[in-house]
Amino acid sequence: MAKLRPRARIVRTIGDQLISGPEAALIELVKNAYDADSPSVSIRITPPGSLQEGRKPGEIRVADTGHGMSANDITAKWFEPATTDKLERGTSPSGRRRRASI
């Protein structure tokens, strides 16, 4: 089982780069898709259902065909918030794009 291992720079990341709301979170997902060399991003927004539908919750789906993450990426980067990986590697995995999310 993997455990979160935050880095010391997380204090700055939380203070400076905190995702402020749902709109900012959606923008981050699109930037992450770009950083993963995805040629496109699909965003589907389904509003909440009506009273007749039993008040189904709304839904936002974001899909891309980027590189994805290896098991090592998940444990070494995703489970370690505020790593310097994106700073050190300023391009996408293919090397063709300059990173949008730093």
N, C-alpha and C. Protein backbone atom coordinates (compact mmCIF):
# COMPACT_ATOMS: atom_id res chain seq x y z
N MET A 1 0.84 -1.17 0.00
CA MET A 1 0.00 0.00 0.00
C MET A 1 0.89 1.24 0.00
N ALA A 2 0.63 2.17 -0.92
CA ALA A 2 1.41 3.40 -1.01
C ALA A 2 0.87 4.44 -0.04
N LYS A 3 1.78 5.26 0.47
CA LYS A 3 1.41 6.32 1.39
C LYS A 3 1.80 7.66 0.81
N LEU A 4 1.02 8.69 1.12
CA LEU A 4 1.39 10.04 0.71
C LEU A 4 2.65 10.46 1.45
N ARG A 5 3.59 11.06 0.71
CA ARG A 5 4.84 11.52 1.30
C ARG A 5 5.08 12.96 0.83
N PRO A 6 4.45 13.94 1.47
CA PRO A 6 4.59 15.32 1.01
C PRO A 6 6.01 15.84 1.15
N ARG A 7 6.41 16.65 0.21
CA ARG A 7 7.73 17.29 0.22
C ARG A 7 7.68 18.58 1.02
N ALA A 8 8.84 19.09 1.38
CA ALA A 8 8.92 20.33 2.16
C ALA A 8 8.31 21.51 1.40
N ARG A 9 8.45 21.54 0.09
CA ARG A 9 7.94 22.67 -0.68
C ARG A 9 6.42 22.67 -0.80
N ILE A 10 5.73 21.71 -0.18
CA ILE A 10 4.27 21.67 -0.25
C ILE A 10 3.65 22.91 0.39
N VAL A 11 4.31 23.49 1.38
CA VAL A 11 3.78 24.69 2.02
C VAL A 11 3.63 25.80 0.99
N ARG A 12 4.66 25.99 0.17
CA ARG A 12 4.60 27.01 -0.88
C ARG A 12 3.55 26.64 -1.92
N THR A 13 3.51 25.38 -2.30
CA THR A 13 2.55 24.92 -3.30
C THR A 13 1.12 25.15 -2.82
N ILE A 14 0.85 24.82 -1.59
CA ILE A 14 -0.49 25.02 -1.05
C ILE A 14 -0.81 26.50 -1.00
N GLY A 15 0.15 27.32 -0.60
CA GLY A 15 -0.09 28.75 -0.50
C GLY A 15 -0.20 29.44 -1.84
N ASP A 16 0.67 29.11 -2.77
CA ASP A 16 0.73 29.81 -4.05
C ASP A 16 -0.15 29.20 -5.14
N GLN A 17 -0.25 27.89 -5.15
CA GLN A 17 -0.81 27.23 -6.31
C GLN A 17 -2.06 26.41 -5.99
N LEU A 18 -2.72 26.72 -4.90
CA LEU A 18 -3.90 25.98 -4.51
C LEU A 18 -5.00 26.14 -5.55
N ILE A 19 -5.66 25.05 -5.87
CA ILE A 19 -6.77 25.11 -6.80
C ILE A 19 -7.94 25.75 -6.07
N SER A 20 -8.37 26.89 -6.57
CA SER A 20 -9.32 27.73 -5.83
C SER A 20 -10.78 27.33 -5.97
N GLY A 21 -11.11 26.49 -6.92
CA GLY A 21 -12.51 26.13 -7.09
C GLY A 21 -12.68 25.18 -8.25
N PRO A 22 -13.93 24.81 -8.56
CA PRO A 22 -14.19 23.84 -9.62
C PRO A 22 -13.69 24.29 -10.99
N GLU A 23 -13.79 25.58 -11.27
CA GLU A 23 -13.33 26.08 -12.57
C GLU A 23 -11.82 25.89 -12.71
N ALA A 24 -11.08 26.23 -11.65
CA ALA A 24 -9.63 26.07 -11.67
C ALA A 24 -9.24 24.60 -11.76
N ALA A 25 -10.00 23.74 -11.10
CA ALA A 25 -9.71 22.30 -11.17
C ALA A 25 -9.89 21.79 -12.59
N LEU A 26 -10.92 22.24 -13.28
CA LEU A 26 -11.16 21.83 -14.67
C LEU A 26 -10.02 22.31 -15.57
N ILE A 27 -9.58 23.53 -15.37
CA ILE A 27 -8.45 24.06 -16.14
C ILE A 27 -7.20 23.22 -15.89
N GLU A 28 -6.96 22.83 -14.65
CA GLU A 28 -5.79 21.99 -14.32
C GLU A 28 -5.85 20.65 -15.05
N LEU A 29 -7.03 20.04 -15.12
CA LEU A 29 -7.16 18.76 -15.83
C LEU A 29 -6.84 18.92 -17.31
N VAL A 30 -7.27 20.02 -17.91
CA VAL A 30 -6.96 20.27 -19.33
C VAL A 30 -5.46 20.51 -19.50
N LYS A 31 -4.85 21.26 -18.60
CA LYS A 31 -3.40 21.48 -18.66
C LYS A 31 -2.64 20.17 -18.49
N ASN A 32 -3.11 19.31 -17.61
CA ASN A 32 -2.46 18.01 -17.41
C ASN A 32 -2.54 17.16 -18.68
N ALA A 33 -3.67 17.21 -19.37
CA ALA A 33 -3.81 16.47 -20.63
C ALA A 33 -2.81 17.00 -21.66
N TYR A 34 -2.67 18.30 -21.74
CA TYR A 34 -1.70 18.90 -22.66
C TYR A 34 -0.29 18.43 -22.31
N ASP A 35 0.03 18.46 -21.02
CA ASP A 35 1.36 18.02 -20.56
C ASP A 35 1.62 16.55 -20.85
N ALA A 36 0.57 15.76 -21.01
CA ALA A 36 0.71 14.33 -21.29
C ALA A 36 0.66 14.05 -22.79
N ASP A 37 0.83 15.09 -23.61
CA ASP A 37 0.85 14.97 -25.07
C ASP A 37 -0.47 14.52 -25.69
N SER A 38 -1.58 14.73 -25.00
CA SER A 38 -2.87 14.34 -25.58
C SER A 38 -3.20 15.28 -26.74
N PRO A 39 -3.62 14.74 -27.90
CA PRO A 39 -3.97 15.59 -29.02
C PRO A 39 -5.30 16.33 -28.82
N SER A 40 -6.12 15.85 -27.88
CA SER A 40 -7.40 16.51 -27.62
C SER A 40 -7.88 16.16 -26.22
N VAL A 41 -8.85 16.92 -25.76
CA VAL A 41 -9.48 16.69 -24.46
C VAL A 41 -10.98 16.77 -24.67
N SER A 42 -11.69 15.81 -24.11
CA SER A 42 -13.15 15.81 -24.18
C SER A 42 -13.70 16.16 -22.80
N ILE A 43 -14.57 17.17 -22.77
CA ILE A 43 -15.20 17.58 -21.52
C ILE A 43 -16.70 17.44 -21.70
N ARG A 44 -17.33 16.63 -20.86
CA ARG A 44 -18.78 16.44 -20.92
C ARG A 44 -19.39 16.89 -19.59
N ILE A 45 -20.29 17.86 -19.68
CA ILE A 45 -20.95 18.38 -18.48
C ILE A 45 -22.41 17.99 -18.53
N THR A 46 -22.84 17.26 -17.51
CA THR A 46 -24.23 16.86 -17.37
C THR A 46 -24.80 17.59 -16.17
N PRO A 47 -25.77 18.47 -16.37
CA PRO A 47 -26.32 19.21 -15.23
C PRO A 47 -27.12 18.29 -14.31
N PRO A 48 -27.35 18.74 -13.09
CA PRO A 48 -28.16 17.93 -12.16
C PRO A 48 -29.55 17.67 -12.74
N GLY A 49 -30.11 16.53 -12.38
CA GLY A 49 -31.44 16.16 -12.86
C GLY A 49 -32.54 16.98 -12.21
N SER A 50 -33.70 16.90 -12.79
CA SER A 50 -34.85 17.63 -12.27
C SER A 50 -35.51 16.86 -11.13
N LEU A 51 -36.51 17.46 -10.53
CA LEU A 51 -37.25 16.80 -9.46
C LEU A 51 -37.87 15.49 -9.96
N GLN A 52 -38.35 15.48 -11.21
CA GLN A 52 -38.96 14.28 -11.76
C GLN A 52 -37.95 13.14 -11.89
N GLU A 53 -36.70 13.46 -12.04
CA GLU A 53 -35.64 12.45 -12.19
C GLU A 53 -35.04 12.06 -10.85
N GLY A 54 -35.63 12.53 -9.77
CA GLY A 54 -35.10 12.18 -8.45
C GLY A 54 -33.86 12.95 -8.05
N ARG A 55 -33.66 14.12 -8.62
CA ARG A 55 -32.52 14.98 -8.28
C ARG A 55 -31.17 14.29 -8.43
N LYS A 56 -30.95 13.71 -9.59
CA LYS A 56 -29.63 13.11 -9.85
C LYS A 56 -28.56 14.19 -9.78
N PRO A 57 -27.41 13.86 -9.21
CA PRO A 57 -26.34 14.87 -9.15
C PRO A 57 -25.79 15.15 -10.55
N GLY A 58 -25.22 16.32 -10.71
CA GLY A 58 -24.57 16.65 -11.96
C GLY A 58 -23.25 15.91 -12.08
N GLU A 59 -22.65 15.99 -13.26
CA GLU A 59 -21.40 15.26 -13.49
C GLU A 59 -20.56 16.00 -14.51
N ILE A 60 -19.27 16.01 -14.28
CA ILE A 60 -18.31 16.54 -15.24
C ILE A 60 -17.31 15.43 -15.53
N ARG A 61 -17.17 15.09 -16.82
CA ARG A 61 -16.21 14.05 -17.23
C ARG A 61 -15.16 14.69 -18.12
N VAL A 62 -13.92 14.42 -17.79
CA VAL A 62 -12.80 14.90 -18.59
C VAL A 62 -12.02 13.68 -19.06
N ALA A 63 -11.83 13.55 -20.36
CA ALA A 63 -11.12 12.40 -20.91
C ALA A 63 -10.07 12.88 -21.91
N ASP A 64 -8.93 12.20 -21.90
CA ASP A 64 -7.89 12.50 -22.87
C ASP A 64 -7.17 11.21 -23.25
N THR A 65 -6.31 11.30 -24.24
CA THR A 65 -5.54 10.13 -24.67
C THR A 65 -4.05 10.39 -24.52
N GLY A 66 -3.71 11.04 -23.42
CA GLY A 66 -2.31 11.34 -23.14
C GLY A 66 -1.55 10.11 -22.68
N HIS A 67 -0.30 10.32 -22.31
CA HIS A 67 0.60 9.23 -21.93
C HIS A 67 0.16 8.45 -20.70
N GLY A 68 -0.56 9.07 -19.80
CA GLY A 68 -0.95 8.38 -18.58
C GLY A 68 0.22 8.29 -17.61
N MET A 69 0.02 7.53 -16.55
CA MET A 69 1.04 7.42 -15.52
C MET A 69 1.38 5.97 -15.27
N SER A 70 2.66 5.70 -15.11
CA SER A 70 3.09 4.35 -14.75
C SER A 70 2.87 4.15 -13.25
N ALA A 71 2.97 2.92 -12.80
CA ALA A 71 2.86 2.65 -11.37
C ALA A 71 3.94 3.42 -10.61
N ASN A 72 5.14 3.51 -11.17
CA ASN A 72 6.21 4.27 -10.54
C ASN A 72 5.88 5.76 -10.48
N ASP A 73 5.29 6.31 -11.55
CA ASP A 73 4.88 7.72 -11.54
C ASP A 73 3.90 7.98 -10.40
N ILE A 74 2.97 7.07 -10.20
CA ILE A 74 1.96 7.26 -9.16
C ILE A 74 2.60 7.29 -7.78
N THR A 75 3.47 6.32 -7.51
CA THR A 75 4.08 6.27 -6.17
C THR A 75 5.17 7.31 -5.98
N ALA A 76 5.94 7.60 -7.02
CA ALA A 76 7.07 8.53 -6.86
C ALA A 76 6.68 9.99 -7.05
N LYS A 77 5.59 10.26 -7.75
CA LYS A 77 5.23 11.66 -8.03
C LYS A 77 3.86 12.01 -7.48
N TRP A 78 2.84 11.23 -7.81
CA TRP A 78 1.49 11.56 -7.38
C TRP A 78 1.33 11.44 -5.87
N PHE A 79 1.94 10.42 -5.27
CA PHE A 79 1.86 10.25 -3.83
C PHE A 79 2.85 11.13 -3.07
N GLU A 80 3.62 11.93 -3.79
CA GLU A 80 4.53 12.88 -3.17
C GLU A 80 4.18 14.27 -3.67
N PRO A 81 3.17 14.90 -3.07
CA PRO A 81 2.79 16.24 -3.53
C PRO A 81 3.96 17.20 -3.47
N ALA A 82 4.01 18.09 -4.45
CA ALA A 82 5.02 19.15 -4.53
C ALA A 82 6.40 18.64 -4.93
N THR A 83 6.48 17.53 -5.67
CA THR A 83 7.78 17.12 -6.19
C THR A 83 8.25 18.16 -7.20
N THR A 84 9.53 18.14 -7.51
CA THR A 84 10.09 19.09 -8.48
C THR A 84 10.15 18.50 -9.88
N ASP A 85 9.49 17.38 -10.11
CA ASP A 85 9.56 16.69 -11.40
C ASP A 85 9.23 17.61 -12.57
N LYS A 86 8.13 18.34 -12.49
CA LYS A 86 7.74 19.20 -13.61
C LYS A 86 8.70 20.38 -13.78
N LEU A 87 9.29 20.82 -12.69
CA LEU A 87 10.28 21.90 -12.80
C LEU A 87 11.55 21.41 -13.47
N GLU A 88 11.97 20.21 -13.09
CA GLU A 88 13.21 19.64 -13.63
C GLU A 88 13.05 19.19 -15.08
N ARG A 89 11.89 18.69 -15.41
CA ARG A 89 11.63 18.20 -16.76
C ARG A 89 10.60 19.13 -17.38
N GLY A 90 11.04 20.19 -18.02
CA GLY A 90 10.16 21.24 -18.51
C GLY A 90 9.38 20.92 -19.76
N THR A 91 9.48 19.69 -20.24
CA THR A 91 8.74 19.33 -21.46
C THR A 91 7.86 18.11 -21.19
N SER A 92 6.96 17.88 -22.13
CA SER A 92 6.09 16.70 -22.05
C SER A 92 6.91 15.44 -22.27
N PRO A 93 6.32 14.26 -22.02
CA PRO A 93 7.08 13.01 -22.20
C PRO A 93 7.70 12.85 -23.59
N SER A 94 7.04 13.37 -24.62
CA SER A 94 7.60 13.26 -25.97
C SER A 94 8.70 14.28 -26.22
N GLY A 95 8.75 15.32 -25.38
CA GLY A 95 9.72 16.39 -25.58
C GLY A 95 9.26 17.44 -26.57
N ARG A 96 8.06 17.27 -27.12
CA ARG A 96 7.56 18.20 -28.14
C ARG A 96 6.83 19.41 -27.57
N ARG A 97 6.38 19.32 -26.32
CA ARG A 97 5.60 20.41 -25.75
C ARG A 97 6.28 20.93 -24.48
N ARG A 98 6.27 22.22 -24.35
CA ARG A 98 6.72 22.82 -23.09
C ARG A 98 5.57 22.67 -22.09
N ARG A 99 5.88 22.28 -20.88
CA ARG A 99 4.85 22.02 -19.89
C ARG A 99 3.99 23.24 -19.59
N ALA A 100 2.69 23.03 -19.50
CA ALA A 100 1.75 24.09 -19.12
C ALA A 100 1.59 24.11 -17.62
N SER A 101 1.67 22.96 -16.97
CA SER A 101 1.46 22.85 -15.52
C SER A 101 2.79 22.75 -14.80
N ILE A 102 3.24 23.85 -14.26
CA ILE A 102 4.49 23.82 -13.49
C ILE A 102 4.23 24.37 -12.11
